[in-house]
Amino acid sequence: MDKIEIFEALRRGAKKSGIQLAYTVLLLFFAFSRKETPHWAKTIITGSFVYLVCPADAIPDVTPILGYTDDLGVLSFGLVSVASYVNNEVKSKARTQLGLFYKNYSEEDLKVVDEKL
């Protein structure tokens, strides 16, 4: 799956899944893209992404509100695990891409995710 496919899938699901999930995915994606990110961290990020797209989910994603909470939990664990590879450049790229998905979003929504780093 290349960058364009990931962004297109995220764009389609962004409105449904919520801004915090979308921002977390973008942070992980751009952290993965850094050449300084070691293999072990990239493995954690890959595992988080696999869980996100896995059809055999603990709570089905079609379930309103609750459907993406387990995904956000797994992605949050992945993000905290690789937090040292999420620098200001990664955050900036994630926010720029997020702005393409959401025209108006609150910085407060992103603060919840940033506080985990």
PDB file of N, CA and C in Angstrom:
ATOM      1  N   MET A   1       0.861  -1.175   0.000  1.00  0.00           N
ATOM      2  CA  MET A   1       0.000   0.000   0.000  1.00  0.00           C
ATOM      3  C   MET A   1       0.907   1.239   0.000  1.00  0.00           C
ATOM      4  N   ASP A   2       0.742   2.105  -0.965  1.00  0.00           N
ATOM      5  CA  ASP A   2       1.595   3.281  -1.045  1.00  0.00           C
ATOM      6  C   ASP A   2       0.931   4.484  -0.357  1.00  0.00           C
ATOM      7  N   LYS A   3       1.654   5.588  -0.338  1.00  0.00           N
ATOM      8  CA  LYS A   3       1.220   6.808   0.346  1.00  0.00           C
ATOM      9  C   LYS A   3      -0.141   7.280  -0.157  1.00  0.00           C
ATOM     10  N   ILE A   4      -0.347   7.282  -1.449  1.00  0.00           N
ATOM     11  CA  ILE A   4      -1.605   7.778  -2.022  1.00  0.00           C
ATOM     12  C   ILE A   4      -2.762   6.886  -1.592  1.00  0.00           C
ATOM     13  N   GLU A   5      -2.578   5.582  -1.604  1.00  0.00           N
ATOM     14  CA  GLU A   5      -3.633   4.657  -1.192  1.00  0.00           C
ATOM     15  C   GLU A   5      -3.972   4.833   0.286  1.00  0.00           C
ATOM     16  N   ILE A   6      -2.957   4.996   1.115  1.00  0.00           N
ATOM     17  CA  ILE A   6      -3.183   5.197   2.553  1.00  0.00           C
ATOM     18  C   ILE A   6      -3.959   6.485   2.781  1.00  0.00           C
ATOM     19  N   PHE A   7      -3.541   7.569   2.130  1.00  0.00           N
ATOM     20  CA  PHE A   7      -4.216   8.857   2.312  1.00  0.00           C
ATOM     21  C   PHE A   7      -5.648   8.808   1.784  1.00  0.00           C
ATOM     22  N   GLU A   8      -5.870   8.125   0.676  1.00  0.00           N
ATOM     23  CA  GLU A   8      -7.219   8.040   0.120  1.00  0.00           C
ATOM     24  C   GLU A   8      -8.134   7.245   1.053  1.00  0.00           C
ATOM     25  N   ALA A   9      -7.643   6.136   1.588  1.00  0.00           N
ATOM     26  CA  ALA A   9      -8.434   5.342   2.528  1.00  0.00           C
ATOM     27  C   ALA A   9      -8.720   6.142   3.795  1.00  0.00           C
ATOM     28  N   LEU A  10      -7.730   6.865   4.264  1.00  0.00           N
ATOM     29  CA  LEU A  10      -7.916   7.684   5.455  1.00  0.00           C
ATOM     30  C   LEU A  10      -8.900   8.814   5.190  1.00  0.00           C
ATOM     31  N   ARG A  11      -8.819   9.441   4.020  1.00  0.00           N
ATOM     32  CA  ARG A  11      -9.734  10.529   3.684  1.00  0.00           C
ATOM     33  C   ARG A  11     -11.178  10.039   3.685  1.00  0.00           C
ATOM     34  N   ARG A  12     -11.390   8.861   3.101  1.00  0.00           N
ATOM     35  CA  ARG A  12     -12.745   8.301   3.051  1.00  0.00           C
ATOM     36  C   ARG A  12     -13.266   7.998   4.450  1.00  0.00           C
ATOM     37  N   GLY A  13     -12.402   7.501   5.300  1.00  0.00           N
ATOM     38  CA  GLY A  13     -12.841   7.129   6.643  1.00  0.00           C
ATOM     39  C   GLY A  13     -12.711   8.228   7.682  1.00  0.00           C
ATOM     40  N   ALA A  14     -12.077   9.339   7.323  1.00  0.00           N
ATOM     41  CA  ALA A  14     -11.792  10.389   8.307  1.00  0.00           C
ATOM     42  C   ALA A  14     -13.044  10.968   8.943  1.00  0.00           C
ATOM     43  N   LYS A  15     -14.029  11.258   8.155  1.00  0.00           N
ATOM     44  CA  LYS A  15     -15.254  11.848   8.699  1.00  0.00           C
ATOM     45  C   LYS A  15     -15.966  10.858   9.617  1.00  0.00           C
ATOM     46  N   LYS A  16     -15.949   9.602   9.230  1.00  0.00           N
ATOM     47  CA  LYS A  16     -16.630   8.582  10.002  1.00  0.00           C
ATOM     48  C   LYS A  16     -15.854   8.225  11.273  1.00  0.00           C
ATOM     49  N   SER A  17     -14.558   8.193  11.201  1.00  0.00           N
ATOM     50  CA  SER A  17     -13.743   7.698  12.308  1.00  0.00           C
ATOM     51  C   SER A  17     -13.359   8.753  13.319  1.00  0.00           C
ATOM     52  N   GLY A  18     -13.386  10.004  12.932  1.00  0.00           N
ATOM     53  CA  GLY A  18     -13.050  11.055  13.877  1.00  0.00           C
ATOM     54  C   GLY A  18     -11.665  11.621  13.661  1.00  0.00           C
ATOM     55  N   ILE A  19     -11.538  12.854  14.058  1.00  0.00           N
ATOM     56  CA  ILE A  19     -10.295  13.586  13.820  1.00  0.00           C
ATOM     57  C   ILE A  19      -9.127  13.032  14.634  1.00  0.00           C
ATOM     58  N   GLN A  20      -9.380  12.564  15.833  1.00  0.00           N
ATOM     59  CA  GLN A  20      -8.281  12.044  16.648  1.00  0.00           C
ATOM     60  C   GLN A  20      -7.696  10.777  16.052  1.00  0.00           C
ATOM     61  N   LEU A  21      -8.543   9.914  15.547  1.00  0.00           N
ATOM     62  CA  LEU A  21      -8.058   8.704  14.891  1.00  0.00           C
ATOM     63  C   LEU A  21      -7.261   9.060  13.641  1.00  0.00           C
ATOM     64  N   ALA A  22      -7.805   9.984  12.847  1.00  0.00           N
ATOM     65  CA  ALA A  22      -7.121  10.389  11.615  1.00  0.00           C
ATOM     66  C   ALA A  22      -5.759  11.011  11.921  1.00  0.00           C
ATOM     67  N   TYR A  23      -5.698  11.870  12.924  1.00  0.00           N
ATOM     68  CA  TYR A  23      -4.443  12.523  13.297  1.00  0.00           C
ATOM     69  C   TYR A  23      -3.429  11.497  13.800  1.00  0.00           C
ATOM     70  N   THR A  24      -3.895  10.537  14.590  1.00  0.00           N
ATOM     71  CA  THR A  24      -2.999   9.491  15.101  1.00  0.00           C
ATOM     72  C   THR A  24      -2.420   8.676  13.949  1.00  0.00           C
ATOM     73  N   VAL A  25      -3.257   8.309  12.982  1.00  0.00           N
ATOM     74  CA  VAL A  25      -2.785   7.549  11.821  1.00  0.00           C
ATOM     75  C   VAL A  25      -1.740   8.354  11.051  1.00  0.00           C
ATOM     76  N   LEU A  26      -2.004   9.631  10.858  1.00  0.00           N
ATOM     77  CA  LEU A  26      -1.053  10.478  10.123  1.00  0.00           C
ATOM     78  C   LEU A  26       0.267  10.623  10.873  1.00  0.00           C
ATOM     79  N   LEU A  27       0.210  10.786  12.176  1.00  0.00           N
ATOM     80  CA  LEU A  27       1.453  10.867  12.959  1.00  0.00           C
ATOM     81  C   LEU A  27       2.258   9.579  12.799  1.00  0.00           C
ATOM     82  N   LEU A  28       1.586   8.455  12.904  1.00  0.00           N
ATOM     83  CA  LEU A  28       2.278   7.175  12.745  1.00  0.00           C
ATOM     84  C   LEU A  28       2.845   7.014  11.335  1.00  0.00           C
ATOM     85  N   PHE A  29       2.068   7.395  10.342  1.00  0.00           N
ATOM     86  CA  PHE A  29       2.532   7.276   8.959  1.00  0.00           C
ATOM     87  C   PHE A  29       3.803   8.102   8.730  1.00  0.00           C
ATOM     88  N   PHE A  30       3.781   9.353   9.164  1.00  0.00           N
ATOM     89  CA  PHE A  30       4.948  10.208   8.922  1.00  0.00           C
ATOM     90  C   PHE A  30       6.136   9.811   9.800  1.00  0.00           C
ATOM     91  N   ALA A  31       5.877   9.253  10.987  1.00  0.00           N
ATOM     92  CA  ALA A  31       6.975   8.719  11.803  1.00  0.00           C
ATOM     93  C   ALA A  31       7.593   7.513  11.100  1.00  0.00           C
ATOM     94  N   PHE A  32       6.738   6.661  10.513  1.00  0.00           N
ATOM     95  CA  PHE A  32       7.215   5.500   9.752  1.00  0.00           C
ATOM     96  C   PHE A  32       8.074   5.936   8.573  1.00  0.00           C
ATOM     97  N   SER A  33       7.712   7.043   7.954  1.00  0.00           N
ATOM     98  CA  SER A  33       8.411   7.525   6.756  1.00  0.00           C
ATOM     99  C   SER A  33       9.800   8.084   7.042  1.00  0.00           C
ATOM    100  N   ARG A  34      10.085   8.402   8.290  1.00  0.00           N
ATOM    101  CA  ARG A  34      11.400   8.946   8.627  1.00  0.00           C
ATOM    102  C   ARG A  34      12.470   7.862   8.508  1.00  0.00           C
ATOM    103  N   LYS A  35      13.588   8.211   7.907  1.00  0.00           N
ATOM    104  CA  LYS A  35      14.668   7.219   7.794  1.00  0.00           C
ATOM    105  C   LYS A  35      15.300   6.939   9.158  1.00  0.00           C
ATOM    106  N   GLU A  36      15.144   7.850  10.103  1.00  0.00           N
ATOM    107  CA  GLU A  36      15.723   7.664  11.441  1.00  0.00           C
ATOM    108  C   GLU A  36      14.905   6.705  12.313  1.00  0.00           C
ATOM    109  N   THR A  37      13.701   6.402  11.902  1.00  0.00           N
ATOM    110  CA  THR A  37      12.857   5.497  12.686  1.00  0.00           C
ATOM    111  C   THR A  37      13.371   4.073  12.515  1.00  0.00           C
ATOM    112  N   PRO A  38      13.716   3.416  13.632  1.00  0.00           N
ATOM    113  CA  PRO A  38      14.294   2.063  13.536  1.00  0.00           C
ATOM    114  C   PRO A  38      13.258   1.014  13.145  1.00  0.00           C
ATOM    115  N   HIS A  39      13.776  -0.135  12.750  1.00  0.00           N
ATOM    116  CA  HIS A  39      12.939  -1.242  12.286  1.00  0.00           C
ATOM    117  C   HIS A  39      11.918  -1.664  13.338  1.00  0.00           C
ATOM    118  N   TRP A  40      12.318  -1.756  14.601  1.00  0.00           N
ATOM    119  CA  TRP A  40      11.390  -2.200  15.640  1.00  0.00           C
ATOM    120  C   TRP A  40      10.194  -1.251  15.746  1.00  0.00           C
ATOM    121  N   ALA A  41      10.434   0.059  15.606  1.00  0.00           N
ATOM    122  CA  ALA A  41       9.349   1.037  15.682  1.00  0.00           C
ATOM    123  C   ALA A  41       8.450   0.932  14.461  1.00  0.00           C
ATOM    124  N   LYS A  42       9.054   0.706  13.302  1.00  0.00           N
ATOM    125  CA  LYS A  42       8.259   0.538  12.087  1.00  0.00           C
ATOM    126  C   LYS A  42       7.395  -0.717  12.167  1.00  0.00           C
ATOM    127  N   THR A  43       7.875  -1.745  12.849  1.00  0.00           N
ATOM    128  CA  THR A  43       7.094  -2.961  13.039  1.00  0.00           C
ATOM    129  C   THR A  43       5.868  -2.687  13.902  1.00  0.00           C
ATOM    130  N   ILE A  44       6.026  -1.904  14.952  1.00  0.00           N
ATOM    131  CA  ILE A  44       4.894  -1.531  15.806  1.00  0.00           C
ATOM    132  C   ILE A  44       3.875  -0.725  15.007  1.00  0.00           C
ATOM    133  N   ILE A  45       4.356   0.223  14.218  1.00  0.00           N
ATOM    134  CA  ILE A  45       3.460   1.044  13.398  1.00  0.00           C
ATOM    135  C   ILE A  45       2.715   0.176  12.387  1.00  0.00           C
ATOM    136  N   THR A  46       3.420  -0.725  11.737  1.00  0.00           N
ATOM    137  CA  THR A  46       2.789  -1.628  10.768  1.00  0.00           C
ATOM    138  C   THR A  46       1.711  -2.474  11.435  1.00  0.00           C
ATOM    139  N   GLY A  47       2.009  -3.007  12.611  1.00  0.00           N
ATOM    140  CA  GLY A  47       1.024  -3.802  13.343  1.00  0.00           C
ATOM    141  C   GLY A  47      -0.212  -2.993  13.697  1.00  0.00           C
ATOM    142  N   SER A  48      -0.017  -1.746  14.066  1.00  0.00           N
ATOM    143  CA  SER A  48      -1.148  -0.860  14.380  1.00  0.00           C
ATOM    144  C   SER A  48      -2.016  -0.637  13.150  1.00  0.00           C
ATOM    145  N   PHE A  49      -1.368  -0.431  12.004  1.00  0.00           N
ATOM    146  CA  PHE A  49      -2.110  -0.223  10.758  1.00  0.00           C
ATOM    147  C   PHE A  49      -2.859  -1.490  10.343  1.00  0.00           C
ATOM    148  N   VAL A  50      -2.236  -2.636  10.522  1.00  0.00           N
ATOM    149  CA  VAL A  50      -2.888  -3.898  10.169  1.00  0.00           C
ATOM    150  C   VAL A  50      -4.143  -4.080  11.011  1.00  0.00           C
ATOM    151  N   TYR A  51      -4.060  -3.775  12.297  1.00  0.00           N
ATOM    152  CA  TYR A  51      -5.238  -3.889  13.153  1.00  0.00           C
ATOM    153  C   TYR A  51      -6.338  -2.945  12.685  1.00  0.00           C
ATOM    154  N   LEU A  52      -5.955  -1.750  12.273  1.00  0.00           N
ATOM    155  CA  LEU A  52      -6.928  -0.755  11.830  1.00  0.00           C
ATOM    156  C   LEU A  52      -7.734  -1.255  10.629  1.00  0.00           C
ATOM    157  N   VAL A  53      -7.090  -1.917   9.697  1.00  0.00           N
ATOM    158  CA  VAL A  53      -7.776  -2.359   8.478  1.00  0.00           C
ATOM    159  C   VAL A  53      -8.264  -3.808   8.548  1.00  0.00           C
ATOM    160  N   CYS A  54      -7.964  -4.502   9.633  1.00  0.00           N
ATOM    161  CA  CYS A  54      -8.346  -5.903   9.780  1.00  0.00           C
ATOM    162  C   CYS A  54      -9.865  -6.040   9.916  1.00  0.00           C
ATOM    163  N   PRO A  55     -10.473  -6.888   9.093  1.00  0.00           N
ATOM    164  CA  PRO A  55     -11.933  -7.056   9.170  1.00  0.00           C
ATOM    165  C   PRO A  55     -12.380  -7.819  10.423  1.00  0.00           C
ATOM    166  N   ALA A  56     -11.506  -8.622  11.003  1.00  0.00           N
ATOM    167  CA  ALA A  56     -11.841  -9.357  12.221  1.00  0.00           C
ATOM    168  C   ALA A  56     -11.480  -8.491  13.424  1.00  0.00           C
ATOM    169  N   ASP A  57     -12.331  -7.556  13.716  1.00  0.00           N
ATOM    170  CA  ASP A  57     -12.103  -6.527  14.716  1.00  0.00           C
ATOM    171  C   ASP A  57     -12.810  -6.903  16.019  1.00  0.00           C
ATOM    172  N   ALA A  58     -12.279  -6.471  17.145  1.00  0.00           N
ATOM    173  CA  ALA A  58     -12.915  -6.746  18.438  1.00  0.00           C
ATOM    174  C   ALA A  58     -14.310  -6.123  18.499  1.00  0.00           C
ATOM    175  N   ILE A  59     -14.423  -4.900  18.064  1.00  0.00           N
ATOM    176  CA  ILE A  59     -15.717  -4.216  17.992  1.00  0.00           C
ATOM    177  C   ILE A  59     -15.885  -3.790  16.536  1.00  0.00           C
ATOM    178  N   PRO A  60     -16.906  -4.270  15.854  1.00  0.00           N
ATOM    179  CA  PRO A  60     -17.070  -3.930  14.432  1.00  0.00           C
ATOM    180  C   PRO A  60     -17.109  -2.418  14.197  1.00  0.00           C
ATOM    181  N   ASP A  61     -16.412  -1.975  13.155  1.00  0.00           N
ATOM    182  CA  ASP A  61     -16.311  -0.546  12.850  1.00  0.00           C
ATOM    183  C   ASP A  61     -17.637   0.047  12.396  1.00  0.00           C
ATOM    184  N   VAL A  62     -18.600  -0.782  12.042  1.00  0.00           N
ATOM    185  CA  VAL A  62     -19.905  -0.259  11.649  1.00  0.00           C
ATOM    186  C   VAL A  62     -20.763   0.100  12.855  1.00  0.00           C
ATOM    187  N   THR A  63     -20.324  -0.283  14.051  1.00  0.00           N
ATOM    188  CA  THR A  63     -21.045   0.060  15.272  1.00  0.00           C
ATOM    189  C   THR A  63     -20.857   1.547  15.547  1.00  0.00           C
ATOM    190  N   PRO A  64     -21.936   2.307  15.618  1.00  0.00           N
ATOM    191  CA  PRO A  64     -21.804   3.751  15.853  1.00  0.00           C
ATOM    192  C   PRO A  64     -21.017   4.050  17.128  1.00  0.00           C
ATOM    193  N   ILE A  65     -20.155   5.019  17.068  1.00  0.00           N
ATOM    194  CA  ILE A  65     -19.327   5.548  18.153  1.00  0.00           C
ATOM    195  C   ILE A  65     -18.318   4.532  18.676  1.00  0.00           C
ATOM    196  N   LEU A  66     -18.773   3.371  19.125  1.00  0.00           N
ATOM    197  CA  LEU A  66     -17.868   2.384  19.705  1.00  0.00           C
ATOM    198  C   LEU A  66     -16.996   1.675  18.694  1.00  0.00           C
ATOM    199  N   GLY A  67     -17.392   1.685  17.452  1.00  0.00           N
ATOM    200  CA  GLY A  67     -16.702   0.910  16.427  1.00  0.00           C
ATOM    201  C   GLY A  67     -15.239   1.228  16.244  1.00  0.00           C
ATOM    202  N   TYR A  68     -14.858   2.462  16.453  1.00  0.00           N
ATOM    203  CA  TYR A  68     -13.458   2.843  16.249  1.00  0.00           C
ATOM    204  C   TYR A  68     -12.694   3.041  17.559  1.00  0.00           C
ATOM    205  N   THR A  69     -13.335   2.819  18.703  1.00  0.00           N
ATOM    206  CA  THR A  69     -12.635   3.042  19.965  1.00  0.00           C
ATOM    207  C   THR A  69     -11.509   2.042  20.172  1.00  0.00           C
ATOM    208  N   ASP A  70     -11.714   0.787  19.800  1.00  0.00           N
ATOM    209  CA  ASP A  70     -10.636  -0.187  19.939  1.00  0.00           C
ATOM    210  C   ASP A  70      -9.498   0.115  18.972  1.00  0.00           C
ATOM    211  N   ASP A  71      -9.844   0.581  17.766  1.00  0.00           N
ATOM    212  CA  ASP A  71      -8.805   0.964  16.802  1.00  0.00           C
ATOM    213  C   ASP A  71      -7.974   2.114  17.358  1.00  0.00           C
ATOM    214  N   LEU A  72      -8.648   3.104  17.924  1.00  0.00           N
ATOM    215  CA  LEU A  72      -7.933   4.248  18.498  1.00  0.00           C
ATOM    216  C   LEU A  72      -7.048   3.801  19.659  1.00  0.00           C
ATOM    217  N   GLY A  73      -7.509   2.836  20.440  1.00  0.00           N
ATOM    218  CA  GLY A  73      -6.695   2.311  21.538  1.00  0.00           C
ATOM    219  C   GLY A  73      -5.419   1.654  21.045  1.00  0.00           C
ATOM    220  N   VAL A  74      -5.536   0.824  20.020  1.00  0.00           N
ATOM    221  CA  VAL A  74      -4.361   0.145  19.461  1.00  0.00           C
ATOM    222  C   VAL A  74      -3.411   1.168  18.829  1.00  0.00           C
ATOM    223  N   LEU A  75      -3.974   2.116  18.072  1.00  0.00           N
ATOM    224  CA  LEU A  75      -3.137   3.144  17.450  1.00  0.00           C
ATOM    225  C   LEU A  75      -2.470   4.024  18.500  1.00  0.00           C
ATOM    226  N   SER A  76      -3.187   4.329  19.581  1.00  0.00           N
ATOM    227  CA  SER A  76      -2.606   5.139  20.663  1.00  0.00           C
ATOM    228  C   SER A  76      -1.439   4.407  21.320  1.00  0.00           C
ATOM    229  N   PHE A  77      -1.598   3.107  21.532  1.00  0.00           N
ATOM    230  CA  PHE A  77      -0.499   2.305  22.076  1.00  0.00           C
ATOM    231  C   PHE A  77       0.709   2.368  21.143  1.00  0.00           C
ATOM    232  N   GLY A  78       0.455   2.208  19.853  1.00  0.00           N
ATOM    233  CA  GLY A  78       1.541   2.292  18.879  1.00  0.00           C
ATOM    234  C   GLY A  78       2.207   3.653  18.901  1.00  0.00           C
ATOM    235  N   LEU A  79       1.404   4.701  18.994  1.00  0.00           N
ATOM    236  CA  LEU A  79       1.939   6.064  19.001  1.00  0.00           C
ATOM    237  C   LEU A  79       2.796   6.316  20.229  1.00  0.00           C
ATOM    238  N   VAL A  80       2.325   5.908  21.383  1.00  0.00           N
ATOM    239  CA  VAL A  80       3.094   6.104  22.619  1.00  0.00           C
ATOM    240  C   VAL A  80       4.392   5.302  22.557  1.00  0.00           C
ATOM    241  N   SER A  81       4.334   4.112  21.962  1.00  0.00           N
ATOM    242  CA  SER A  81       5.522   3.257  21.860  1.00  0.00           C
ATOM    243  C   SER A  81       6.620   3.860  20.989  1.00  0.00           C
ATOM    244  N   VAL A  82       6.237   4.644  19.999  1.00  0.00           N
ATOM    245  CA  VAL A  82       7.223   5.218  19.064  1.00  0.00           C
ATOM    246  C   VAL A  82       7.296   6.741  19.195  1.00  0.00           C
ATOM    247  N   ALA A  83       6.820   7.276  20.307  1.00  0.00           N
ATOM    248  CA  ALA A  83       6.707   8.734  20.498  1.00  0.00           C
ATOM    249  C   ALA A  83       8.019   9.478  20.275  1.00  0.00           C
ATOM    250  N   SER A  84       9.133   8.860  20.583  1.00  0.00           N
ATOM    251  CA  SER A  84      10.412   9.556  20.421  1.00  0.00           C
ATOM    252  C   SER A  84      10.762   9.804  18.948  1.00  0.00           C
ATOM    253  N   TYR A  85      10.027   9.183  18.032  1.00  0.00           N
ATOM    254  CA  TYR A  85      10.271   9.387  16.601  1.00  0.00           C
ATOM    255  C   TYR A  85       9.228  10.315  15.965  1.00  0.00           C
ATOM    256  N   VAL A  86       8.363  10.877  16.817  1.00  0.00           N
ATOM    257  CA  VAL A  86       7.371  11.860  16.356  1.00  0.00           C
ATOM    258  C   VAL A  86       7.906  13.235  16.738  1.00  0.00           C
ATOM    259  N   ASN A  87       8.601  13.863  15.791  1.00  0.00           N
ATOM    260  CA  ASN A  87       9.187  15.182  16.049  1.00  0.00           C
ATOM    261  C   ASN A  87       8.277  16.278  15.492  1.00  0.00           C
ATOM    262  N   ASN A  88       8.733  17.517  15.570  1.00  0.00           N
ATOM    263  CA  ASN A  88       7.925  18.643  15.088  1.00  0.00           C
ATOM    264  C   ASN A  88       7.641  18.557  13.587  1.00  0.00           C
ATOM    265  N   GLU A  89       8.577  18.035  12.822  1.00  0.00           N
ATOM    266  CA  GLU A  89       8.367  17.877  11.382  1.00  0.00           C
ATOM    267  C   GLU A  89       7.235  16.884  11.107  1.00  0.00           C
ATOM    268  N   VAL A  90       7.221  15.781  11.832  1.00  0.00           N
ATOM    269  CA  VAL A  90       6.161  14.782  11.690  1.00  0.00           C
ATOM    270  C   VAL A  90       4.814  15.401  12.044  1.00  0.00           C
ATOM    271  N   LYS A  91       4.761  16.135  13.150  1.00  0.00           N
ATOM    272  CA  LYS A  91       3.510  16.792  13.563  1.00  0.00           C
ATOM    273  C   LYS A  91       3.046  17.797  12.514  1.00  0.00           C
ATOM    274  N   SER A  92       3.970  18.549  11.974  1.00  0.00           N
ATOM    275  CA  SER A  92       3.617  19.546  10.963  1.00  0.00           C
ATOM    276  C   SER A  92       3.045  18.892   9.704  1.00  0.00           C
ATOM    277  N   LYS A  93       3.686  17.833   9.239  1.00  0.00           N
ATOM    278  CA  LYS A  93       3.195  17.119   8.062  1.00  0.00           C
ATOM    279  C   LYS A  93       1.814  16.520   8.326  1.00  0.00           C
ATOM    280  N   ALA A  94       1.634  15.962   9.510  1.00  0.00           N
ATOM    281  CA  ALA A  94       0.343  15.360   9.856  1.00  0.00           C
ATOM    282  C   ALA A  94      -0.760  16.412   9.892  1.00  0.00           C
ATOM    283  N   ARG A  95      -0.473  17.570  10.459  1.00  0.00           N
ATOM    284  CA  ARG A  95      -1.471  18.638  10.530  1.00  0.00           C
ATOM    285  C   ARG A  95      -1.793  19.188   9.135  1.00  0.00           C
ATOM    286  N   THR A  96      -0.791  19.298   8.296  1.00  0.00           N
ATOM    287  CA  THR A  96      -1.025  19.771   6.931  1.00  0.00           C
ATOM    288  C   THR A  96      -1.941  18.807   6.188  1.00  0.00           C
ATOM    289  N   GLN A  97      -1.648  17.524   6.273  1.00  0.00           N
ATOM    290  CA  GLN A  97      -2.479  16.522   5.606  1.00  0.00           C
ATOM    291  C   GLN A  97      -3.874  16.490   6.224  1.00  0.00           C
ATOM    292  N   LEU A  98      -3.963  16.631   7.530  1.00  0.00           N
ATOM    293  CA  LEU A  98      -5.254  16.634   8.210  1.00  0.00           C
ATOM    294  C   LEU A  98      -6.114  17.798   7.735  1.00  0.00           C
ATOM    295  N   GLY A  99      -5.483  18.927   7.457  1.00  0.00           N
ATOM    296  CA  GLY A  99      -6.201  20.082   6.945  1.00  0.00           C
ATOM    297  C   GLY A  99      -6.847  19.830   5.595  1.00  0.00           C
ATOM    298  N   LEU A 100      -6.332  18.868   4.841  1.00  0.00           N
ATOM    299  CA  LEU A 100      -6.949  18.499   3.564  1.00  0.00           C
ATOM    300  C   LEU A 100      -8.198  17.641   3.774  1.00  0.00           C
ATOM    301  N   PHE A 101      -8.242  16.931   4.895  1.00  0.00           N
ATOM    302  CA  PHE A 101      -9.395  16.090   5.219  1.00  0.00           C
ATOM    303  C   PHE A 101     -10.490  16.877   5.919  1.00  0.00           C
ATOM    304  N   TYR A 102     -10.073  17.745   6.818  1.00  0.00           N
ATOM    305  CA  TYR A 102     -11.000  18.539   7.626  1.00  0.00           C
ATOM    306  C   TYR A 102     -10.682  20.010   7.382  1.00  0.00           C
ATOM    307  N   LYS A 103     -11.605  20.730   6.806  1.00  0.00           N
ATOM    308  CA  LYS A 103     -11.354  22.147   6.515  1.00  0.00           C
ATOM    309  C   LYS A 103     -11.268  22.974   7.792  1.00  0.00           C
ATOM    310  N   ASN A 104     -12.121  22.687   8.745  1.00  0.00           N
ATOM    311  CA  ASN A 104     -12.115  23.409  10.018  1.00  0.00           C
ATOM    312  C   ASN A 104     -12.081  22.399  11.149  1.00  0.00           C
ATOM    313  N   TYR A 105     -10.978  22.361  11.841  1.00  0.00           N
ATOM    314  CA  TYR A 105     -10.895  21.477  12.991  1.00  0.00           C
ATOM    315  C   TYR A 105     -10.335  22.275  14.159  1.00  0.00           C
ATOM    316  N   SER A 106     -10.637  21.803  15.341  1.00  0.00           N
ATOM    317  CA  SER A 106     -10.206  22.479  16.556  1.00  0.00           C
ATOM    318  C   SER A 106      -8.842  21.950  16.998  1.00  0.00           C
ATOM    319  N   GLU A 107      -7.968  22.853  17.353  1.00  0.00           N
ATOM    320  CA  GLU A 107      -6.661  22.447  17.889  1.00  0.00           C
ATOM    321  C   GLU A 107      -6.834  21.656  19.188  1.00  0.00           C
ATOM    322  N   GLU A 108      -7.936  21.902  19.884  1.00  0.00           N
ATOM    323  CA  GLU A 108      -8.224  21.164  21.117  1.00  0.00           C
ATOM    324  C   GLU A 108      -8.383  19.675  20.842  1.00  0.00           C
ATOM    325  N   ASP A 109      -8.966  19.348  19.691  1.00  0.00           N
ATOM    326  CA  ASP A 109      -9.126  17.945  19.329  1.00  0.00           C
ATOM    327  C   ASP A 109      -7.769  17.255  19.176  1.00  0.00           C
ATOM    328  N   LEU A 110      -6.806  17.975  18.656  1.00  0.00           N
ATOM    329  CA  LEU A 110      -5.472  17.407  18.437  1.00  0.00           C
ATOM    330  C   LEU A 110      -4.660  17.380  19.728  1.00  0.00           C
ATOM    331  N   LYS A 111      -4.965  18.277  20.623  1.00  0.00           N
ATOM    332  CA  LYS A 111      -4.238  18.363  21.896  1.00  0.00           C
ATOM    333  C   LYS A 111      -4.333  17.055  22.687  1.00  0.00           C
ATOM    334  N   VAL A 112      -5.479  16.399  22.606  1.00  0.00           N
ATOM    335  CA  VAL A 112      -5.673  15.133  23.295  1.00  0.00           C
ATOM    336  C   VAL A 112      -4.644  14.116  22.819  1.00  0.00           C
ATOM    337  N   VAL A 113      -4.401  14.074  21.535  1.00  0.00           N
ATOM    338  CA  VAL A 113      -3.421  13.132  20.967  1.00  0.00           C
ATOM    339  C   VAL A 113      -2.001  13.583  21.304  1.00  0.00           C
ATOM    340  N   ASP A 114      -1.723  14.877  21.124  1.00  0.00           N
ATOM    341  CA  ASP A 114      -0.377  15.397  21.380  1.00  0.00           C
ATOM    342  C   ASP A 114       0.061  15.196  22.827  1.00  0.00           C
ATOM    343  N   GLU A 115      -0.871  15.210  23.754  1.00  0.00           N
ATOM    344  CA  GLU A 115      -0.527  15.014  25.177  1.00  0.00           C
ATOM    345  C   GLU A 115      -0.017  13.614  25.461  1.00  0.00           C
ATOM    346  N   LYS A 116      -0.293  12.662  24.593  1.00  0.00           N
ATOM    347  CA  LYS A 116       0.187  11.294  24.766  1.00  0.00           C
ATOM    348  C   LYS A 116       1.658  11.167  24.386  1.00  0.00           C
ATOM    349  N   LEU A 117       2.164  12.138  23.662  1.00  0.00           N
ATOM    350  CA  LEU A 117       3.543  12.052  23.168  1.00  0.00           C
ATOM    351  C   LEU A 117       4.542  12.480  24.212  1.00  0.00           C
TER     352      LEU A 117
END
